[in-house]
């Protein structure tokens, strides 16, 4: 054992971190969907903005997932 180290052990991703990450992924995709629905309603189009909103939500969720996991694994 190394008693001279002042750094805490790396816990990695815990259960609550994974729940928060899952909630973030769902919120990003559902948020894109809702914004797309609103824009389609305002513009009188369908399903153009819904598809764009879902795509943007998936991209945003992917980038956010990557950043959060990268930060968790670095610490």
PDB file of N, CA and C in Angstrom:
ATOM      1  N   UNK A   1       0.827  -1.186   0.000  1.00  0.00           N
ATOM      2  CA  UNK A   1       0.000   0.000   0.000  1.00  0.00           C
ATOM      3  C   UNK A   1       0.864   1.238   0.000  1.00  0.00           C
ATOM      4  N   UNK A   2       0.394   2.256  -0.703  1.00  0.00           N
ATOM      5  CA  UNK A   2       1.112   3.518  -0.768  1.00  0.00           C
ATOM      6  C   UNK A   2       0.391   4.525   0.113  1.00  0.00           C
ATOM      7  N   UNK A   3       0.910   4.740   1.322  1.00  0.00           N
ATOM      8  CA  UNK A   3       0.266   5.659   2.257  1.00  0.00           C
ATOM      9  C   UNK A   3       0.645   7.104   1.988  1.00  0.00           C
ATOM     10  N   UNK A   4       1.635   7.358   1.122  1.00  0.00           N
ATOM     11  CA  UNK A   4       2.085   8.714   0.864  1.00  0.00           C
ATOM     12  C   UNK A   4       1.250   9.429  -0.186  1.00  0.00           C
ATOM     13  N   UNK A   5       0.403   8.727  -0.901  1.00  0.00           N
ATOM     14  CA  UNK A   5      -0.397   9.336  -1.963  1.00  0.00           C
ATOM     15  C   UNK A   5      -1.612  10.030  -1.363  1.00  0.00           C
ATOM     16  N   UNK A   6      -1.836  11.277  -1.782  1.00  0.00           N
ATOM     17  CA  UNK A   6      -2.978  12.023  -1.273  1.00  0.00           C
ATOM     18  C   UNK A   6      -4.158  11.972  -2.241  1.00  0.00           C
ATOM     19  N   UNK A   7      -4.014  11.331  -3.397  1.00  0.00           N
ATOM     20  CA  UNK A   7      -5.090  11.258  -4.369  1.00  0.00           C
ATOM     21  C   UNK A   7      -6.049  10.132  -4.009  1.00  0.00           C
ATOM     22  N   UNK A   8      -7.370  10.406  -4.081  1.00  0.00           N
ATOM     23  CA  UNK A   8      -8.333   9.333  -3.817  1.00  0.00           C
ATOM     24  C   UNK A   8      -8.323   8.332  -4.970  1.00  0.00           C
ATOM     25  N   UNK A   9      -8.724   7.109  -4.721  1.00  0.00           N
ATOM     26  CA  UNK A   9      -8.776   6.132  -5.804  1.00  0.00           C
ATOM     27  C   UNK A   9      -9.817   6.525  -6.842  1.00  0.00           C
ATOM     28  N   UNK A  10      -9.572   6.149  -8.093  1.00  0.00           N
ATOM     29  CA  UNK A  10     -10.475   6.479  -9.185  1.00  0.00           C
ATOM     30  C   UNK A  10     -11.702   5.570  -9.113  1.00  0.00           C
ATOM     31  N   UNK A  11     -12.879   6.129  -8.797  1.00  0.00           N
ATOM     32  CA  UNK A  11     -14.061   5.278  -8.688  1.00  0.00           C
ATOM     33  C   UNK A  11     -14.661   4.915 -10.046  1.00  0.00           C
ATOM     34  N   UNK A  12     -14.274   5.602 -11.126  1.00  0.00           N
ATOM     35  CA  UNK A  12     -14.862   5.333 -12.435  1.00  0.00           C
ATOM     36  C   UNK A  12     -16.301   5.812 -12.477  1.00  0.00           C
ATOM     37  N   UNK A  13     -17.096   5.164 -13.274  1.00  0.00           N
ATOM     38  CA  UNK A  13     -18.511   5.518 -13.386  1.00  0.00           C
ATOM     39  C   UNK A  13     -19.318   4.658 -12.428  1.00  0.00           C
ATOM     40  N   UNK A  14     -20.041   5.309 -11.539  1.00  0.00           N
ATOM     41  CA  UNK A  14     -20.884   4.596 -10.577  1.00  0.00           C
ATOM     42  C   UNK A  14     -22.311   4.546 -11.107  1.00  0.00           C
ATOM     43  N   UNK A  15     -23.161   3.858 -10.380  1.00  0.00           N
ATOM     44  CA  UNK A  15     -24.550   3.686 -10.798  1.00  0.00           C
ATOM     45  C   UNK A  15     -25.280   4.991 -11.012  1.00  0.00           C
ATOM     46  N   UNK A  16     -25.127   5.933 -10.088  1.00  0.00           N
ATOM     47  CA  UNK A  16     -25.837   7.203 -10.245  1.00  0.00           C
ATOM     48  C   UNK A  16     -25.294   7.996 -11.424  1.00  0.00           C
ATOM     49  N   UNK A  17     -23.999   7.849 -11.720  1.00  0.00           N
ATOM     50  CA  UNK A  17     -23.429   8.507 -12.896  1.00  0.00           C
ATOM     51  C   UNK A  17     -24.053   7.945 -14.172  1.00  0.00           C
ATOM     52  N   UNK A  18     -24.231   6.636 -14.198  1.00  0.00           N
ATOM     53  CA  UNK A  18     -24.812   5.995 -15.383  1.00  0.00           C
ATOM     54  C   UNK A  18     -26.282   6.363 -15.533  1.00  0.00           C
ATOM     55  N   UNK A  19     -27.016   6.475 -14.422  1.00  0.00           N
ATOM     56  CA  UNK A  19     -28.411   6.908 -14.494  1.00  0.00           C
ATOM     57  C   UNK A  19     -28.508   8.333 -15.034  1.00  0.00           C
ATOM     58  N   UNK A  20     -27.642   9.194 -14.550  1.00  0.00           N
ATOM     59  CA  UNK A  20     -27.625  10.571 -15.038  1.00  0.00           C
ATOM     60  C   UNK A  20     -27.272  10.637 -16.511  1.00  0.00           C
ATOM     61  N   UNK A  21     -26.357   9.804 -16.927  1.00  0.00           N
ATOM     62  CA  UNK A  21     -25.954   9.763 -18.327  1.00  0.00           C
ATOM     63  C   UNK A  21     -27.102   9.263 -19.197  1.00  0.00           C
ATOM     64  N   UNK A  22     -27.822   8.254 -18.727  1.00  0.00           N
ATOM     65  CA  UNK A  22     -28.977   7.756 -19.469  1.00  0.00           C
ATOM     66  C   UNK A  22     -30.062   8.808 -19.585  1.00  0.00           C
ATOM     67  N   UNK A  23     -30.306   9.521 -18.495  1.00  0.00           N
ATOM     68  CA  UNK A  23     -31.285  10.606 -18.527  1.00  0.00           C
ATOM     69  C   UNK A  23     -30.887  11.703 -19.491  1.00  0.00           C
ATOM     70  N   UNK A  24     -29.595  12.010 -19.540  1.00  0.00           N
ATOM     71  CA  UNK A  24     -29.089  13.018 -20.470  1.00  0.00           C
ATOM     72  C   UNK A  24     -29.325  12.590 -21.919  1.00  0.00           C
ATOM     73  N   UNK A  25     -29.056  11.319 -22.222  1.00  0.00           N
ATOM     74  CA  UNK A  25     -29.243  10.814 -23.585  1.00  0.00           C
ATOM     75  C   UNK A  25     -30.714  10.903 -23.995  1.00  0.00           C
ATOM     76  N   UNK A  26     -31.602  10.490 -23.111  1.00  0.00           N
ATOM     77  CA  UNK A  26     -33.036  10.547 -23.404  1.00  0.00           C
ATOM     78  C   UNK A  26     -33.487  11.996 -23.586  1.00  0.00           C
ATOM     79  N   UNK A  27     -33.048  12.875 -22.701  1.00  0.00           N
ATOM     80  CA  UNK A  27     -33.460  14.278 -22.769  1.00  0.00           C
ATOM     81  C   UNK A  27     -32.991  14.937 -24.065  1.00  0.00           C
ATOM     82  N   UNK A  28     -31.794  14.611 -24.516  1.00  0.00           N
ATOM     83  CA  UNK A  28     -31.281  15.209 -25.744  1.00  0.00           C
ATOM     84  C   UNK A  28     -32.121  14.795 -26.952  1.00  0.00           C
ATOM     85  N   UNK A  29     -32.435  13.519 -27.058  1.00  0.00           N
ATOM     86  CA  UNK A  29     -33.204  13.040 -28.210  1.00  0.00           C
ATOM     87  C   UNK A  29     -34.654  13.521 -28.134  1.00  0.00           C
ATOM     88  N   UNK A  30     -35.274  13.423 -26.970  1.00  0.00           N
ATOM     89  CA  UNK A  30     -36.664  13.874 -26.819  1.00  0.00           C
ATOM     90  C   UNK A  30     -36.749  15.389 -26.999  1.00  0.00           C
ATOM     91  N   UNK A  31     -35.758  16.114 -26.495  1.00  0.00           N
ATOM     92  CA  UNK A  31     -35.734  17.566 -26.694  1.00  0.00           C
ATOM     93  C   UNK A  31     -35.666  17.934 -28.164  1.00  0.00           C
ATOM     94  N   UNK A  32     -34.826  17.234 -28.918  1.00  0.00           N
ATOM     95  CA  UNK A  32     -34.748  17.473 -30.364  1.00  0.00           C
ATOM     96  C   UNK A  32     -36.065  17.155 -31.052  1.00  0.00           C
ATOM     97  N   UNK A  33     -36.718  16.092 -30.628  1.00  0.00           N
ATOM     98  CA  UNK A  33     -38.014  15.715 -31.186  1.00  0.00           C
ATOM     99  C   UNK A  33     -39.061  16.786 -30.928  1.00  0.00           C
ATOM    100  N   UNK A  34     -39.142  17.259 -29.689  1.00  0.00           N
ATOM    101  CA  UNK A  34     -40.151  18.264 -29.329  1.00  0.00           C
ATOM    102  C   UNK A  34     -39.906  19.570 -30.070  1.00  0.00           C
ATOM    103  N   UNK A  35     -38.658  19.994 -30.133  1.00  0.00           N
ATOM    104  CA  UNK A  35     -38.348  21.226 -30.869  1.00  0.00           C
ATOM    105  C   UNK A  35     -38.698  21.057 -32.347  1.00  0.00           C
ATOM    106  N   UNK A  36     -38.400  19.891 -32.899  1.00  0.00           N
ATOM    107  CA  UNK A  36     -38.766  19.619 -34.290  1.00  0.00           C
ATOM    108  C   UNK A  36     -40.269  19.656 -34.507  1.00  0.00           C
ATOM    109  N   UNK A  37     -41.027  19.076 -33.582  1.00  0.00           N
ATOM    110  CA  UNK A  37     -42.490  19.120 -33.691  1.00  0.00           C
ATOM    111  C   UNK A  37     -43.012  20.553 -33.665  1.00  0.00           C
ATOM    112  N   UNK A  38     -42.463  21.351 -32.767  1.00  0.00           N
ATOM    113  CA  UNK A  38     -42.893  22.755 -32.682  1.00  0.00           C
ATOM    114  C   UNK A  38     -42.555  23.521 -33.957  1.00  0.00           C
ATOM    115  N   UNK A  39     -41.361  23.315 -34.473  1.00  0.00           N
ATOM    116  CA  UNK A  39     -40.971  24.005 -35.704  1.00  0.00           C
ATOM    117  C   UNK A  39     -41.805  23.536 -36.896  1.00  0.00           C
ATOM    118  N   UNK A  40     -42.105  22.240 -36.967  1.00  0.00           N
ATOM    119  CA  UNK A  40     -42.972  21.740 -38.034  1.00  0.00           C
ATOM    120  C   UNK A  40     -44.362  22.358 -37.942  1.00  0.00           C
ATOM    121  N   UNK A  41     -44.867  22.480 -36.733  1.00  0.00           N
ATOM    122  CA  UNK A  41     -46.190  23.084 -36.544  1.00  0.00           C
ATOM    123  C   UNK A  41     -46.190  24.551 -36.982  1.00  0.00           C
ATOM    124  N   UNK A  42     -45.151  25.283 -36.603  1.00  0.00           N
ATOM    125  CA  UNK A  42     -45.073  26.701 -36.962  1.00  0.00           C
ATOM    126  C   UNK A  42     -44.849  26.906 -38.453  1.00  0.00           C
ATOM    127  N   UNK A  43     -44.052  26.053 -39.070  1.00  0.00           N
ATOM    128  CA  UNK A  43     -43.717  26.218 -40.485  1.00  0.00           C
ATOM    129  C   UNK A  43     -44.722  25.528 -41.396  1.00  0.00           C
ATOM    130  N   UNK A  44     -45.579  24.690 -40.858  1.00  0.00           N
ATOM    131  CA  UNK A  44     -46.547  23.976 -41.674  1.00  0.00           C
ATOM    132  C   UNK A  44     -45.911  22.862 -42.494  1.00  0.00           C
ATOM    133  N   UNK A  45     -44.803  22.349 -42.028  1.00  0.00           N
ATOM    134  CA  UNK A  45     -44.120  21.261 -42.721  1.00  0.00           C
ATOM    135  C   UNK A  45     -44.242  19.988 -41.894  1.00  0.00           C
ATOM    136  N   UNK A  46     -43.990  18.881 -42.533  1.00  0.00           N
ATOM    137  CA  UNK A  46     -43.974  17.621 -41.806  1.00  0.00           C
ATOM    138  C   UNK A  46     -43.262  16.596 -42.664  1.00  0.00           C
ATOM    139  N   UNK A  47     -42.432  15.798 -42.194  1.00  0.00           N
ATOM    140  CA  UNK A  47     -41.752  15.651 -40.914  1.00  0.00           C
ATOM    141  C   UNK A  47     -40.340  16.236 -40.942  1.00  0.00           C
ATOM    142  N   UNK A  48     -40.121  17.254 -41.761  1.00  0.00           N
ATOM    143  CA  UNK A  48     -38.782  17.802 -41.975  1.00  0.00           C
ATOM    144  C   UNK A  48     -38.067  18.158 -40.669  1.00  0.00           C
ATOM    145  N   UNK A  49     -38.653  19.025 -39.878  1.00  0.00           N
ATOM    146  CA  UNK A  49     -37.975  19.482 -38.668  1.00  0.00           C
ATOM    147  C   UNK A  49     -37.955  18.420 -37.567  1.00  0.00           C
ATOM    148  N   UNK A  50     -38.918  17.513 -37.589  1.00  0.00           N
ATOM    149  CA  UNK A  50     -38.889  16.411 -36.629  1.00  0.00           C
ATOM    150  C   UNK A  50     -37.657  15.552 -36.881  1.00  0.00           C
ATOM    151  N   UNK A  51     -37.420  15.213 -38.137  1.00  0.00           N
ATOM    152  CA  UNK A  51     -36.253  14.387 -38.467  1.00  0.00           C
ATOM    153  C   UNK A  51     -34.950  15.126 -38.178  1.00  0.00           C
ATOM    154  N   UNK A  52     -34.910  16.415 -38.514  1.00  0.00           N
ATOM    155  CA  UNK A  52     -33.709  17.209 -38.210  1.00  0.00           C
ATOM    156  C   UNK A  52     -33.498  17.340 -36.703  1.00  0.00           C
ATOM    157  N   UNK A  53     -34.580  17.508 -35.959  1.00  0.00           N
ATOM    158  CA  UNK A  53     -34.483  17.616 -34.508  1.00  0.00           C
ATOM    159  C   UNK A  53     -33.999  16.325 -33.873  1.00  0.00           C
ATOM    160  N   UNK A  54     -34.514  15.198 -34.348  1.00  0.00           N
ATOM    161  CA  UNK A  54     -34.057  13.907 -33.827  1.00  0.00           C
ATOM    162  C   UNK A  54     -32.587  13.700 -34.151  1.00  0.00           C
ATOM    163  N   UNK A  55     -32.189  14.027 -35.381  1.00  0.00           N
ATOM    164  CA  UNK A  55     -30.785  13.881 -35.769  1.00  0.00           C
ATOM    165  C   UNK A  55     -29.885  14.770 -34.911  1.00  0.00           C
ATOM    166  N   UNK A  56     -30.305  16.008 -34.698  1.00  0.00           N
ATOM    167  CA  UNK A  56     -29.514  16.915 -33.858  1.00  0.00           C
ATOM    168  C   UNK A  56     -29.458  16.403 -32.421  1.00  0.00           C
ATOM    169  N   UNK A  57     -30.558  15.853 -31.922  1.00  0.00           N
ATOM    170  CA  UNK A  57     -30.572  15.291 -30.575  1.00  0.00           C
ATOM    171  C   UNK A  57     -29.633  14.107 -30.444  1.00  0.00           C
ATOM    172  N   UNK A  58     -29.600  13.250 -31.459  1.00  0.00           N
ATOM    173  CA  UNK A  58     -28.708  12.092 -31.421  1.00  0.00           C
ATOM    174  C   UNK A  58     -27.250  12.534 -31.465  1.00  0.00           C
ATOM    175  N   UNK A  59     -26.945  13.504 -32.318  1.00  0.00           N
ATOM    176  CA  UNK A  59     -25.566  14.009 -32.385  1.00  0.00           C
ATOM    177  C   UNK A  59     -25.183  14.672 -31.062  1.00  0.00           C
ATOM    178  N   UNK A  60     -26.073  15.503 -30.520  1.00  0.00           N
ATOM    179  CA  UNK A  60     -25.801  16.154 -29.242  1.00  0.00           C
ATOM    180  C   UNK A  60     -25.635  15.148 -28.113  1.00  0.00           C
ATOM    181  N   UNK A  61     -26.459  14.113 -28.113  1.00  0.00           N
ATOM    182  CA  UNK A  61     -26.355  13.071 -27.090  1.00  0.00           C
ATOM    183  C   UNK A  61     -25.034  12.324 -27.217  1.00  0.00           C
ATOM    184  N   UNK A  62     -24.635  12.028 -28.439  1.00  0.00           N
ATOM    185  CA  UNK A  62     -23.369  11.321 -28.654  1.00  0.00           C
ATOM    186  C   UNK A  62     -22.169  12.129 -28.190  1.00  0.00           C
ATOM    187  N   UNK A  63     -22.175  13.411 -28.535  1.00  0.00           N
ATOM    188  CA  UNK A  63     -21.064  14.276 -28.124  1.00  0.00           C
ATOM    189  C   UNK A  63     -21.056  14.437 -26.603  1.00  0.00           C
ATOM    190  N   UNK A  64     -22.221  14.668 -26.017  1.00  0.00           N
ATOM    191  CA  UNK A  64     -22.297  14.801 -24.565  1.00  0.00           C
ATOM    192  C   UNK A  64     -21.877  13.527 -23.847  1.00  0.00           C
ATOM    193  N   UNK A  65     -22.284  12.381 -24.370  1.00  0.00           N
ATOM    194  CA  UNK A  65     -21.895  11.087 -23.804  1.00  0.00           C
ATOM    195  C   UNK A  65     -20.382  10.934 -23.829  1.00  0.00           C
ATOM    196  N   UNK A  66     -19.788  11.235 -24.976  1.00  0.00           N
ATOM    197  CA  UNK A  66     -18.336  11.100 -25.135  1.00  0.00           C
ATOM    198  C   UNK A  66     -17.599  12.010 -24.152  1.00  0.00           C
ATOM    199  N   UNK A  67     -18.038  13.248 -24.019  1.00  0.00           N
ATOM    200  CA  UNK A  67     -17.376  14.204 -23.123  1.00  0.00           C
ATOM    201  C   UNK A  67     -17.499  13.748 -21.662  1.00  0.00           C
ATOM    202  N   UNK A  68     -18.691  13.333 -21.242  1.00  0.00           N
ATOM    203  CA  UNK A  68     -18.887  12.927 -19.848  1.00  0.00           C
ATOM    204  C   UNK A  68     -18.097  11.657 -19.508  1.00  0.00           C
ATOM    205  N   UNK A  69     -18.101  10.695 -20.405  1.00  0.00           N
ATOM    206  CA  UNK A  69     -17.360   9.456 -20.144  1.00  0.00           C
ATOM    207  C   UNK A  69     -15.858   9.727 -20.168  1.00  0.00           C
ATOM    208  N   UNK A  70     -15.406  10.541 -21.109  1.00  0.00           N
ATOM    209  CA  UNK A  70     -13.973  10.876 -21.178  1.00  0.00           C
ATOM    210  C   UNK A  70     -13.531  11.555 -19.890  1.00  0.00           C
ATOM    211  N   UNK A  71     -14.315  12.508 -19.415  1.00  0.00           N
ATOM    212  CA  UNK A  71     -13.968  13.215 -18.167  1.00  0.00           C
ATOM    213  C   UNK A  71     -13.975  12.267 -16.970  1.00  0.00           C
ATOM    214  N   UNK A  72     -14.946  11.350 -16.936  1.00  0.00           N
ATOM    215  CA  UNK A  72     -15.021  10.401 -15.815  1.00  0.00           C
ATOM    216  C   UNK A  72     -13.830   9.442 -15.811  1.00  0.00           C
ATOM    217  N   UNK A  73     -13.382   9.049 -16.973  1.00  0.00           N
ATOM    218  CA  UNK A  73     -12.269   8.112 -17.053  1.00  0.00           C
ATOM    219  C   UNK A  73     -10.916   8.787 -16.811  1.00  0.00           C
ATOM    220  N   UNK A  74     -10.842  10.088 -17.049  1.00  0.00           N
ATOM    221  CA  UNK A  74      -9.596  10.834 -16.809  1.00  0.00           C
ATOM    222  C   UNK A  74      -9.364  11.077 -15.322  1.00  0.00           C
ATOM    223  N   UNK A  75     -10.440  11.257 -14.583  1.00  0.00           N
ATOM    224  CA  UNK A  75     -10.266  11.612 -13.165  1.00  0.00           C
ATOM    225  C   UNK A  75      -9.935  10.429 -12.312  1.00  0.00           C
TER     226      UNK A  75
END
